[in-house]
PDB file of N, CA and C in Angstrom:
ATOM      1  N   MET A   1      74.480  99.464 112.038  1.00  0.00           N
ATOM      2  CA  MET A   1      74.471  99.422 110.585  1.00  0.00           C
ATOM      3  C   MET A   1      75.778  98.780 110.108  1.00  0.00           C
ATOM      4  N   PRO A   2      75.716  97.764 109.233  1.00  0.00           N
ATOM      5  CA  PRO A   2      76.933  97.103 108.753  1.00  0.00           C
ATOM      6  C   PRO A   2      77.754  98.021 107.850  1.00  0.00           C
ATOM      7  N   ASP A   3      79.063  97.748 107.833  1.00  0.00           N
ATOM      8  CA  ASP A   3      80.006  98.504 107.002  1.00  0.00           C
ATOM      9  C   ASP A   3      79.766  98.166 105.533  1.00  0.00           C
ATOM     10  N   LYS A   4      79.540  99.166 104.684  1.00  0.00           N
ATOM     11  CA  LYS A   4      79.287  98.973 103.250  1.00  0.00           C
ATOM     12  C   LYS A   4      80.496  99.380 102.401  1.00  0.00           C
ATOM     13  N   SER A   5      81.654  99.617 103.044  1.00  0.00           N
ATOM     14  CA  SER A   5      82.819 100.103 102.309  1.00  0.00           C
ATOM     15  C   SER A   5      83.664  98.982 101.701  1.00  0.00           C
ATOM     16  N   ILE A   6      83.337  97.732 101.993  1.00  0.00           N
ATOM     17  CA  ILE A   6      84.116  96.606 101.475  1.00  0.00           C
ATOM     18  C   ILE A   6      83.784  96.388  99.998  1.00  0.00           C
ATOM     19  N   THR A   7      84.822  96.223  99.184  1.00  0.00           N
ATOM     20  CA  THR A   7      84.643  95.994  97.754  1.00  0.00           C
ATOM     21  C   THR A   7      85.188  94.618  97.401  1.00  0.00           C
ATOM     22  N   LYS A   8      84.424  93.863  96.652  1.00  0.00           N
ATOM     23  CA  LYS A   8      84.860  92.563  96.154  1.00  0.00           C
ATOM     24  C   LYS A   8      84.851  92.628  94.639  1.00  0.00           C
ATOM     25  N   VAL A   9      85.931  92.141  94.023  1.00  0.00           N
ATOM     26  CA  VAL A   9      86.017  92.115  92.567  1.00  0.00           C
ATOM     27  C   VAL A   9      86.346  90.693  92.135  1.00  0.00           C
ATOM     28  N   ASN A  10      85.517  90.111  91.314  1.00  0.00           N
ATOM     29  CA  ASN A  10      85.763  88.792  90.756  1.00  0.00           C
ATOM     30  C   ASN A  10      86.606  88.988  89.498  1.00  0.00           C
ATOM     31  N   SER A  11      87.782  88.364  89.438  1.00  0.00           N
ATOM     32  CA  SER A  11      88.690  88.599  88.315  1.00  0.00           C
ATOM     33  C   SER A  11      88.085  88.220  86.960  1.00  0.00           C
ATOM     34  N   ALA A  12      87.135  87.307  86.952  1.00  0.00           N
ATOM     35  CA  ALA A  12      86.493  86.924  85.688  1.00  0.00           C
ATOM     36  C   ALA A  12      85.712  88.083  85.068  1.00  0.00           C
ATOM     37  N   TYR A  13      85.293  89.035  85.893  1.00  0.00           N
ATOM     38  CA  TYR A  13      84.491  90.159  85.410  1.00  0.00           C
ATOM     39  C   TYR A  13      85.188  91.507  85.585  1.00  0.00           C
ATOM     40  N   ALA A  14      86.454  91.475  85.952  1.00  0.00           N
ATOM     41  CA  ALA A  14      87.197  92.711  86.211  1.00  0.00           C
ATOM     42  C   ALA A  14      87.424  93.492  84.921  1.00  0.00           C
ATOM     43  N   PRO A  15      87.413  94.818  85.022  1.00  0.00           N
ATOM     44  CA  PRO A  15      87.705  95.618  83.831  1.00  0.00           C
ATOM     45  C   PRO A  15      89.143  95.394  83.373  1.00  0.00           C
ATOM     46  N   LYS A  16      89.351  95.432  82.063  1.00  0.00           N
ATOM     47  CA  LYS A  16      90.663  95.214  81.480  1.00  0.00           C
ATOM     48  C   LYS A  16      91.258  96.528  81.007  1.00  0.00           C
ATOM     49  N   GLY A  17      92.544  96.709  81.281  1.00  0.00           N
ATOM     50  CA  GLY A  17      93.252  97.894  80.826  1.00  0.00           C
ATOM     51  C   GLY A  17      93.786  97.720  79.414  1.00  0.00           C
ATOM     52  N   SER A  18      94.253  98.781  78.816  1.00  0.00           N
ATOM     53  CA  SER A  18      94.715  98.764  77.428  1.00  0.00           C
ATOM     54  C   SER A  18      95.983  97.936  77.226  1.00  0.00           C
ATOM     55  N   LEU A  19      96.710  97.644  78.298  1.00  0.00           N
ATOM     56  CA  LEU A  19      97.940  96.856  78.200  1.00  0.00           C
ATOM     57  C   LEU A  19      97.697  95.373  78.468  1.00  0.00           C
ATOM     58  N   GLY A  20      96.440  94.989  78.767  1.00  0.00           N
ATOM     59  CA  GLY A  20      96.096  93.601  79.023  1.00  0.00           C
ATOM     60  C   GLY A  20      95.878  93.269  80.491  1.00  0.00           C
ATOM     61  N   GLN A  21      96.140  94.205  81.383  1.00  0.00           N
ATOM     62  CA  GLN A  21      95.974  93.975  82.813  1.00  0.00           C
ATOM     63  C   GLN A  21      94.502  93.995  83.214  1.00  0.00           C
ATOM     64  N   LYS A  22      94.169  93.212  84.240  1.00  0.00           N
ATOM     65  CA  LYS A  22      92.831  93.259  84.817  1.00  0.00           C
ATOM     66  C   LYS A  22      92.915  94.062  86.107  1.00  0.00           C
ATOM     67  N   TYR A  23      92.043  95.043  86.240  1.00  0.00           N
ATOM     68  CA  TYR A  23      92.012  95.861  87.447  1.00  0.00           C
ATOM     69  C   TYR A  23      91.134  95.187  88.484  1.00  0.00           C
ATOM     70  N   LEU A  24      91.704  94.862  89.616  1.00  0.00           N
ATOM     71  CA  LEU A  24      90.990  94.189  90.689  1.00  0.00           C
ATOM     72  C   LEU A  24      90.573  95.220  91.729  1.00  0.00           C
ATOM     73  N   ALA A  25      90.645  94.885  92.992  1.00  0.00           N
ATOM     74  CA  ALA A  25      90.194  95.797  94.043  1.00  0.00           C
ATOM     75  C   ALA A  25      91.071  97.052  94.096  1.00  0.00           C
ATOM     76  N   SER A  26      90.432  98.168  94.408  1.00  0.00           N
ATOM     77  CA  SER A  26      91.141  99.441  94.485  1.00  0.00           C
ATOM     78  C   SER A  26      90.623 100.259  95.651  1.00  0.00           C
ATOM     79  N   GLY A  27      91.574 100.795  96.409  1.00  0.00           N
ATOM     80  CA  GLY A  27      91.233 101.708  97.485  1.00  0.00           C
ATOM     81  C   GLY A  27      91.672 103.105  97.107  1.00  0.00           C
ATOM     82  N   ILE A  28      91.739 103.976  98.065  1.00  0.00           N
ATOM     83  CA  ILE A  28      92.161 105.355  97.813  1.00  0.00           C
ATOM     84  C   ILE A  28      93.655 105.429  97.537  1.00  0.00           C
ATOM     85  N   HIS A  29      94.447 104.638  98.280  1.00  0.00           N
ATOM     86  CA  HIS A  29      95.902 104.748  98.200  1.00  0.00           C
ATOM     87  C   HIS A  29      96.602 103.577  97.529  1.00  0.00           C
ATOM     88  N   ILE A  30      95.889 102.487  97.280  1.00  0.00           N
ATOM     89  CA  ILE A  30      96.519 101.300  96.711  1.00  0.00           C
ATOM     90  C   ILE A  30      95.494 100.523  95.887  1.00  0.00           C
ATOM     91  N   SER A  31      95.980  99.804  94.865  1.00  0.00           N
ATOM     92  CA  SER A  31      95.103  98.940  94.083  1.00  0.00           C
ATOM     93  C   SER A  31      95.891  97.708  93.656  1.00  0.00           C
ATOM     94  N   ILE A  32      95.168  96.678  93.230  1.00  0.00           N
ATOM     95  CA  ILE A  32      95.842  95.498  92.697  1.00  0.00           C
ATOM     96  C   ILE A  32      95.323  95.219  91.292  1.00  0.00           C
ATOM     97  N   ARG A  33      96.205  94.604  90.518  1.00  0.00           N
ATOM     98  CA  ARG A  33      95.847  94.233  89.154  1.00  0.00           C
ATOM     99  C   ARG A  33      96.458  92.880  88.852  1.00  0.00           C
ATOM    100  N   LEU A  34      95.913  92.229  87.840  1.00  0.00           N
ATOM    101  CA  LEU A  34      96.315  90.883  87.468  1.00  0.00           C
ATOM    102  C   LEU A  34      96.772  90.870  86.023  1.00  0.00           C
ATOM    103  N   TRP A  35      97.941  90.319  85.805  1.00  0.00           N
ATOM    104  CA  TRP A  35      98.439  90.045  84.454  1.00  0.00           C
ATOM    105  C   TRP A  35      98.289  88.537  84.300  1.00  0.00           C
ATOM    106  N   GLU A  36      97.393  88.107  83.424  1.00  0.00           N
ATOM    107  CA  GLU A  36      97.003  86.705  83.365  1.00  0.00           C
ATOM    108  C   GLU A  36      97.403  86.053  82.045  1.00  0.00           C
ATOM    109  N   ARG A  37      98.275  85.037  82.141  1.00  0.00           N
ATOM    110  CA  ARG A  37      98.698  84.239  80.995  1.00  0.00           C
ATOM    111  C   ARG A  37      99.247  85.103  79.851  1.00  0.00           C
ATOM    112  N   GLU A  38     100.073  86.069  80.223  1.00  0.00           N
ATOM    113  CA  GLU A  38     100.756  86.901  79.226  1.00  0.00           C
ATOM    114  C   GLU A  38     101.715  86.014  78.445  1.00  0.00           C
ATOM    115  N   GLN A  39     101.730  86.158  77.133  1.00  0.00           N
ATOM    116  CA  GLN A  39     102.530  85.293  76.266  1.00  0.00           C
ATOM    117  C   GLN A  39     103.932  85.859  76.039  1.00  0.00           C
ATOM    118  N   PRO A  40     104.908  84.970  75.789  1.00  0.00           N
ATOM    119  CA  PRO A  40     106.271  85.423  75.508  1.00  0.00           C
ATOM    120  C   PRO A  40     106.281  86.425  74.348  1.00  0.00           C
ATOM    121  N   ALA A  41     107.100  87.436  74.495  1.00  0.00           N
ATOM    122  CA  ALA A  41     107.192  88.482  73.471  1.00  0.00           C
ATOM    123  C   ALA A  41     108.436  89.320  73.739  1.00  0.00           C
ATOM    124  N   GLU A  42     108.778  90.118  72.761  1.00  0.00           N
ATOM    125  CA  GLU A  42     109.879  91.068  72.948  1.00  0.00           C
ATOM    126  C   GLU A  42     109.483  92.107  73.993  1.00  0.00           C
ATOM    127  N   ALA A  43     110.467  92.673  74.626  1.00  0.00           N
ATOM    128  CA  ALA A  43     110.221  93.703  75.645  1.00  0.00           C
ATOM    129  C   ALA A  43     109.537  94.913  75.008  1.00  0.00           C
ATOM    130  N   LYS A  44     108.640  95.509  75.754  1.00  0.00           N
ATOM    131  CA  LYS A  44     107.986  96.748  75.315  1.00  0.00           C
ATOM    132  C   LYS A  44     108.948  97.908  75.557  1.00  0.00           C
ATOM    133  N   PRO A  45     108.684  99.073  74.987  1.00  0.00           N
ATOM    134  CA  PRO A  45     109.562 100.219  75.243  1.00  0.00           C
ATOM    135  C   PRO A  45     109.629 100.532  76.744  1.00  0.00           C
ATOM    136  N   GLN A  46     110.773 101.017  77.169  1.00  0.00           N
ATOM    137  CA  GLN A  46     110.921 101.388  78.583  1.00  0.00           C
ATOM    138  C   GLN A  46     109.943 102.491  78.949  1.00  0.00           C
ATOM    139  N   THR A  47     109.561 102.489  80.213  1.00  0.00           N
ATOM    140  CA  THR A  47     108.659 103.501  80.729  1.00  0.00           C
ATOM    141  C   THR A  47     109.055 103.840  82.153  1.00  0.00           C
ATOM    142  N   ALA A  48     108.585 104.962  82.639  1.00  0.00           N
ATOM    143  CA  ALA A  48     108.733 105.345  84.044  1.00  0.00           C
ATOM    144  C   ALA A  48     107.353 105.795  84.502  1.00  0.00           C
ATOM    145  N   ARG A  49     106.829 105.157  85.522  1.00  0.00           N
ATOM    146  CA  ARG A  49     105.466 105.431  85.995  1.00  0.00           C
ATOM    147  C   ARG A  49     105.484 106.302  87.243  1.00  0.00           C
ATOM    148  N   ASP A  50     104.393 107.013  87.466  1.00  0.00           N
ATOM    149  CA  ASP A  50     104.312 107.875  88.651  1.00  0.00           C
ATOM    150  C   ASP A  50     103.611 107.164  89.810  1.00  0.00           C
ATOM    151  N   TYR A  51     103.842 105.854  89.904  1.00  0.00           N
ATOM    152  CA  TYR A  51     103.368 105.067  91.037  1.00  0.00           C
ATOM    153  C   TYR A  51     104.400 103.986  91.343  1.00  0.00           C
ATOM    154  N   GLU A  52     104.378 103.493  92.565  1.00  0.00           N
ATOM    155  CA  GLU A  52     105.231 102.389  92.981  1.00  0.00           C
ATOM    156  C   GLU A  52     104.490 101.078  92.721  1.00  0.00           C
ATOM    157  N   THR A  53     105.236 100.049  92.321  1.00  0.00           N
ATOM    158  CA  THR A  53     104.645  98.741  92.056  1.00  0.00           C
ATOM    159  C   THR A  53     105.376  97.675  92.854  1.00  0.00           C
ATOM    160  N   VAL A  54     104.606  96.775  93.468  1.00  0.00           N
ATOM    161  CA  VAL A  54     105.171  95.542  94.028  1.00  0.00           C
ATOM    162  C   VAL A  54     104.395  94.401  93.381  1.00  0.00           C
ATOM    163  N   GLY A  55     105.085  93.306  93.083  1.00  0.00           N
ATOM    164  CA  GLY A  55     104.425  92.210  92.386  1.00  0.00           C
ATOM    165  C   GLY A  55     104.835  90.853  92.909  1.00  0.00           C
ATOM    166  N   LEU A  56     104.061  89.845  92.525  1.00  0.00           N
ATOM    167  CA  LEU A  56     104.316  88.448  92.865  1.00  0.00           C
ATOM    168  C   LEU A  56     104.031  87.594  91.637  1.00  0.00           C
ATOM    169  N   VAL A  57     105.009  86.779  91.241  1.00  0.00           N
ATOM    170  CA  VAL A  57     104.844  85.882  90.101  1.00  0.00           C
ATOM    171  C   VAL A  57     104.072  84.641  90.544  1.00  0.00           C
ATOM    172  N   LEU A  58     102.972  84.351  89.861  1.00  0.00           N
ATOM    173  CA  LEU A  58     102.172  83.164  90.146  1.00  0.00           C
ATOM    174  C   LEU A  58     102.519  82.022  89.197  1.00  0.00           C
ATOM    175  N   GLU A  59     102.995  82.373  87.986  1.00  0.00           N
ATOM    176  CA  GLU A  59     103.300  81.373  86.962  1.00  0.00           C
ATOM    177  C   GLU A  59     104.237  81.991  85.943  1.00  0.00           C
ATOM    178  N   GLY A  60     105.168  81.196  85.419  1.00  0.00           N
ATOM    179  CA  GLY A  60     105.987  81.608  84.295  1.00  0.00           C
ATOM    180  C   GLY A  60     107.283  82.297  84.671  1.00  0.00           C
ATOM    181  N   LYS A  61     107.877  82.935  83.650  1.00  0.00           N
ATOM    182  CA  LYS A  61     109.158  83.638  83.797  1.00  0.00           C
ATOM    183  C   LYS A  61     109.135  84.919  82.982  1.00  0.00           C
ATOM    184  N   ALA A  62     109.799  85.923  83.527  1.00  0.00           N
ATOM    185  CA  ALA A  62     109.958  87.192  82.809  1.00  0.00           C
ATOM    186  C   ALA A  62     111.257  87.843  83.263  1.00  0.00           C
ATOM    187  N   GLU A  63     111.760  88.714  82.414  1.00  0.00           N
ATOM    188  CA  GLU A  63     112.890  89.557  82.794  1.00  0.00           C
ATOM    189  C   GLU A  63     112.368  90.941  83.100  1.00  0.00           C
ATOM    190  N   LEU A  64     112.821  91.501  84.197  1.00  0.00           N
ATOM    191  CA  LEU A  64     112.560  92.896  84.532  1.00  0.00           C
ATOM    192  C   LEU A  64     113.857  93.641  84.275  1.00  0.00           C
ATOM    193  N   HIS A  65     113.818  94.565  83.326  1.00  0.00           N
ATOM    194  CA  HIS A  65     114.963  95.425  83.033  1.00  0.00           C
ATOM    195  C   HIS A  65     114.660  96.761  83.710  1.00  0.00           C
ATOM    196  N   ILE A  66     115.474  97.119  84.712  1.00  0.00           N
ATOM    197  CA  ILE A  66     115.177  98.312  85.497  1.00  0.00           C
ATOM    198  C   ILE A  66     116.463  99.062  85.849  1.00  0.00           C
ATOM    199  N   GLU A  67     116.524 100.288  85.384  1.00  0.00           N
ATOM    200  CA  GLU A  67     117.647 101.179  85.704  1.00  0.00           C
ATOM    201  C   GLU A  67     119.002 100.497  85.509  1.00  0.00           C
ATOM    202  N   GLY A  68     119.181  99.824  84.351  1.00  0.00           N
ATOM    203  CA  GLY A  68     120.456  99.181  84.032  1.00  0.00           C
ATOM    204  C   GLY A  68     120.656  97.810  84.670  1.00  0.00           C
ATOM    205  N   GLN A  69     119.690  97.323  85.407  1.00  0.00           N
ATOM    206  CA  GLN A  69     119.777  95.997  86.024  1.00  0.00           C
ATOM    207  C   GLN A  69     118.857  95.029  85.292  1.00  0.00           C
ATOM    208  N   LEU A  70     119.198  93.754  85.355  1.00  0.00           N
ATOM    209  CA  LEU A  70     118.354  92.692  84.826  1.00  0.00           C
ATOM    210  C   LEU A  70     117.982  91.783  85.985  1.00  0.00           C
ATOM    211  N   VAL A  71     116.675  91.597  86.202  1.00  0.00           N
ATOM    212  CA  VAL A  71     116.183  90.742  87.275  1.00  0.00           C
ATOM    213  C   VAL A  71     115.315  89.663  86.646  1.00  0.00           C
ATOM    214  N   LEU A  72     115.669  88.389  86.872  1.00  0.00           N
ATOM    215  CA  LEU A  72     114.864  87.276  86.388  1.00  0.00           C
ATOM    216  C   LEU A  72     113.753  87.022  87.397  1.00  0.00           C
ATOM    217  N   LEU A  73     112.517  87.023  86.930  1.00  0.00           N
ATOM    218  CA  LEU A  73     111.353  86.788  87.782  1.00  0.00           C
ATOM    219  C   LEU A  73     110.768  85.415  87.462  1.00  0.00           C
ATOM    220  N   GLU A  74     110.655  84.564  88.488  1.00  0.00           N
ATOM    221  CA  GLU A  74     110.102  83.223  88.342  1.00  0.00           C
ATOM    222  C   GLU A  74     109.031  82.998  89.393  1.00  0.00           C
ATOM    223  N   LYS A  75     108.265  81.919  89.228  1.00  0.00           N
ATOM    224  CA  LYS A  75     107.175  81.588  90.149  1.00  0.00           C
ATOM    225  C   LYS A  75     107.641  81.702  91.601  1.00  0.00           C
ATOM    226  N   GLY A  76     106.867  82.454  92.385  1.00  0.00           N
ATOM    227  CA  GLY A  76     107.171  82.657  93.797  1.00  0.00           C
ATOM    228  C   GLY A  76     108.017  83.883  94.090  1.00  0.00           C
ATOM    229  N   ASP A  77     108.596  84.505  93.057  1.00  0.00           N
ATOM    230  CA  ASP A  77     109.406  85.709  93.257  1.00  0.00           C
ATOM    231  C   ASP A  77     108.512  86.935  93.403  1.00  0.00           C
ATOM    232  N   SER A  78     108.969  87.872  94.203  1.00  0.00           N
ATOM    233  CA  SER A  78     108.302  89.169  94.295  1.00  0.00           C
ATOM    234  C   SER A  78     109.326  90.247  93.961  1.00  0.00           C
ATOM    235  N   TRP A  79     108.829  91.432  93.612  1.00  0.00           N
ATOM    236  CA  TRP A  79     109.714  92.519  93.200  1.00  0.00           C
ATOM    237  C   TRP A  79     109.090  93.870  93.506  1.00  0.00           C
ATOM    238  N   VAL A  80     109.940  94.902  93.408  1.00  0.00           N
ATOM    239  CA  VAL A  80     109.508  96.291  93.592  1.00  0.00           C
ATOM    240  C   VAL A  80     110.026  97.113  92.420  1.00  0.00           C
ATOM    241  N   VAL A  81     109.168  97.950  91.870  1.00  0.00           N
ATOM    242  CA  VAL A  81     109.580  98.975  90.904  1.00  0.00           C
ATOM    243  C   VAL A  81     109.254 100.312  91.557  1.00  0.00           C
ATOM    244  N   PRO A  82     110.291 101.032  92.018  1.00  0.00           N
ATOM    245  CA  PRO A  82     110.041 102.329  92.655  1.00  0.00           C
ATOM    246  C   PRO A  82     109.429 103.339  91.675  1.00  0.00           C
ATOM    247  N   LYS A  83     108.657 104.230  92.207  1.00  0.00           N
ATOM    248  CA  LYS A  83     108.057 105.314  91.427  1.00  0.00           C
ATOM    249  C   LYS A  83     109.151 106.033  90.636  1.00  0.00           C
ATOM    250  N   GLY A  84     108.901 106.241  89.340  1.00  0.00           N
ATOM    251  CA  GLY A  84     109.831 106.995  88.499  1.00  0.00           C
ATOM    252  C   GLY A  84     110.980 106.190  87.907  1.00  0.00           C
ATOM    253  N   SER A  85     111.111 104.901  88.235  1.00  0.00           N
ATOM    254  CA  SER A  85     112.205 104.076  87.708  1.00  0.00           C
ATOM    255  C   SER A  85     111.949 103.699  86.252  1.00  0.00           C
ATOM    256  N   ARG A  86     112.956 103.845  85.414  1.00  0.00           N
ATOM    257  CA  ARG A  86     112.856 103.431  84.010  1.00  0.00           C
ATOM    258  C   ARG A  86     112.930 101.911  83.966  1.00  0.00           C
ATOM    259  N   HIS A  87     111.939 101.281  83.335  1.00  0.00           N
ATOM    260  CA  HIS A  87     111.891  99.821  83.339  1.00  0.00           C
ATOM    261  C   HIS A  87     111.062  99.276  82.178  1.00  0.00           C
ATOM    262  N   THR A  88     111.237  97.983  81.935  1.00  0.00           N
ATOM    263  CA  THR A  88     110.412  97.228  81.004  1.00  0.00           C
ATOM    264  C   THR A  88     110.458  95.761  81.405  1.00  0.00           C
ATOM    265  N   TYR A  89     109.500  94.993  80.910  1.00  0.00           N
ATOM    266  CA  TYR A  89     109.445  93.555  81.154  1.00  0.00           C
ATOM    267  C   TYR A  89     109.540  92.821  79.826  1.00  0.00           C
ATOM    268  N   LYS A  90     110.201  91.674  79.841  1.00  0.00           N
ATOM    269  CA  LYS A  90     110.227  90.780  78.686  1.00  0.00           C
ATOM    270  C   LYS A  90     109.712  89.432  79.183  1.00  0.00           C
ATOM    271  N   ILE A  91     108.584  88.981  78.643  1.00  0.00           N
ATOM    272  CA  ILE A  91     107.987  87.716  79.047  1.00  0.00           C
ATOM    273  C   ILE A  91     108.738  86.581  78.354  1.00  0.00           C
ATOM    274  N   LEU A  92     109.233  85.631  79.142  1.00  0.00           N
ATOM    275  CA  LEU A  92     109.992  84.498  78.609  1.00  0.00           C
ATOM    276  C   LEU A  92     109.144  83.231  78.504  1.00  0.00           C
ATOM    277  N   GLU A  93     108.258  83.016  79.474  1.00  0.00           N
ATOM    278  CA  GLU A  93     107.333  81.881  79.496  1.00  0.00           C
ATOM    279  C   GLU A  93     105.977  82.426  79.910  1.00  0.00           C
ATOM    280  N   THR A  94     104.902  81.783  79.457  1.00  0.00           N
ATOM    281  CA  THR A  94     103.554  82.235  79.798  1.00  0.00           C
ATOM    282  C   THR A  94     103.537  82.693  81.254  1.00  0.00           C
ATOM    283  N   PHE A  95     103.095  83.939  81.479  1.00  0.00           N
ATOM    284  CA  PHE A  95     103.354  84.649  82.734  1.00  0.00           C
ATOM    285  C   PHE A  95     102.061  85.148  83.361  1.00  0.00           C
ATOM    286  N   THR A  96     101.897  84.841  84.645  1.00  0.00           N
ATOM    287  CA  THR A  96     100.789  85.365  85.429  1.00  0.00           C
ATOM    288  C   THR A  96     101.361  85.980  86.695  1.00  0.00           C
ATOM    289  N   ALA A  97     100.947  87.197  86.985  1.00  0.00           N
ATOM    290  CA  ALA A  97     101.435  87.891  88.178  1.00  0.00           C
ATOM    291  C   ALA A  97     100.357  88.821  88.702  1.00  0.00           C
ATOM    292  N   VAL A  98     100.433  89.081  89.982  1.00  0.00           N
ATOM    293  CA  VAL A  98      99.556  90.064  90.599  1.00  0.00           C
ATOM    294  C   VAL A  98     100.448  91.204  91.079  1.00  0.00           C
ATOM    295  N   GLU A  99      99.993  92.431  90.894  1.00  0.00           N
ATOM    296  CA  GLU A  99     100.755  93.611  91.309  1.00  0.00           C
ATOM    297  C   GLU A  99      99.878  94.537  92.141  1.00  0.00           C
ATOM    298  N   ALA A 100     100.506  95.184  93.090  1.00  0.00           N
ATOM    299  CA  ALA A 100      99.857  96.266  93.827  1.00  0.00           C
ATOM    300  C   ALA A 100     100.554  97.555  93.415  1.00  0.00           C
ATOM    301  N   THR A 101      99.763  98.602  93.208  1.00  0.00           N
ATOM    302  CA  THR A 101     100.331  99.899  92.838  1.00  0.00           C
ATOM    303  C   THR A 101      99.837 100.966  93.808  1.00  0.00           C
ATOM    304  N   SER A 102     100.731 101.869  94.119  1.00  0.00           N
ATOM    305  CA  SER A 102     100.392 102.979  95.013  1.00  0.00           C
ATOM    306  C   SER A 102     101.040 104.245  94.489  1.00  0.00           C
ATOM    307  N   PRO A 103     100.215 105.248  94.196  1.00  0.00           N
ATOM    308  CA  PRO A 103      98.758 105.264  94.197  1.00  0.00           C
ATOM    309  C   PRO A 103      98.216 104.363  93.088  1.00  0.00           C
ATOM    310  N   PRO A 104      96.901 104.123  93.067  1.00  0.00           N
ATOM    311  CA  PRO A 104      96.318 103.226  92.083  1.00  0.00           C
ATOM    312  C   PRO A 104      96.694 103.576  90.644  1.00  0.00           C
ATOM    313  N   ALA A 105      97.177 102.566  89.900  1.00  0.00           N
ATOM    314  CA  ALA A 105      97.640 102.781  88.525  1.00  0.00           C
ATOM    315  C   ALA A 105      96.538 103.226  87.582  1.00  0.00           C
ATOM    316  N   GLU A 106      95.322 102.766  87.821  1.00  0.00           N
ATOM    317  CA  GLU A 106      94.247 103.021  86.857  1.00  0.00           C
ATOM    318  C   GLU A 106      93.617 104.401  86.960  1.00  0.00           C
ATOM    319  N   VAL A 107      94.024 105.191  87.926  1.00  0.00           N
ATOM    320  CA  VAL A 107      93.413 106.506  88.145  1.00  0.00           C
ATOM    321  C   VAL A 107      94.213 107.580  87.393  1.00  0.00           C
ATOM    322  N   HIS A 108      93.541 108.559  86.847  1.00  0.00           N
ATOM    323  CA  HIS A 108      94.133 109.736  86.207  1.00  0.00           C
ATOM    324  C   HIS A 108      95.039 109.378  85.031  1.00  0.00           C
ATOM    325  N   GLY A 109      94.744 108.286  84.313  1.00  0.00           N
ATOM    326  CA  GLY A 109      95.522 107.917  83.133  1.00  0.00           C
ATOM    327  C   GLY A 109      96.947 107.486  83.407  1.00  0.00           C
ATOM    328  N   ARG A 110      97.251 107.043  84.620  1.00  0.00           N
ATOM    329  CA  ARG A 110      98.631 106.666  84.959  1.00  0.00           C
ATOM    330  C   ARG A 110      99.129 105.473  84.166  1.00  0.00           C
ATOM    331  N   ASP A 111      98.242 104.604  83.705  1.00  0.00           N
ATOM    332  CA  ASP A 111      98.644 103.385  82.994  1.00  0.00           C
ATOM    333  C   ASP A 111      98.673 103.558  81.482  1.00  0.00           C
ATOM    334  N   GLU A 112      98.504 104.735  80.981  1.00  0.00           N
ATOM    335  CA  GLU A 112      98.476 104.938  79.517  1.00  0.00           C
ATOM    336  C   GLU A 112      99.865 105.193  78.997  1.00  0.00           C
TER     337      GLU A 112
END
């Protein structure tokens, strides 16, 4: 009997979160999401999430303000936001990035 546990998510039809993110594939311990063509804007209020995030910039520029540090994120850069770290992003140029979160950000209202 073939394995039926594989999940495929087409980003064109992926569910969208309240912050603009698209939720892609999700497992029990990790999930990925897509921030697609986010427009330049002022930084949102700082937050601290109960999940770890790693990301990769596909297009554009943003500033990551995290625990008193400023990190410039550009195409090809990757980053980590540890669980519980106070942070915010400021989009400088139209920005597309993919992030993995562990545990999955979309479960139990973690992204609200």
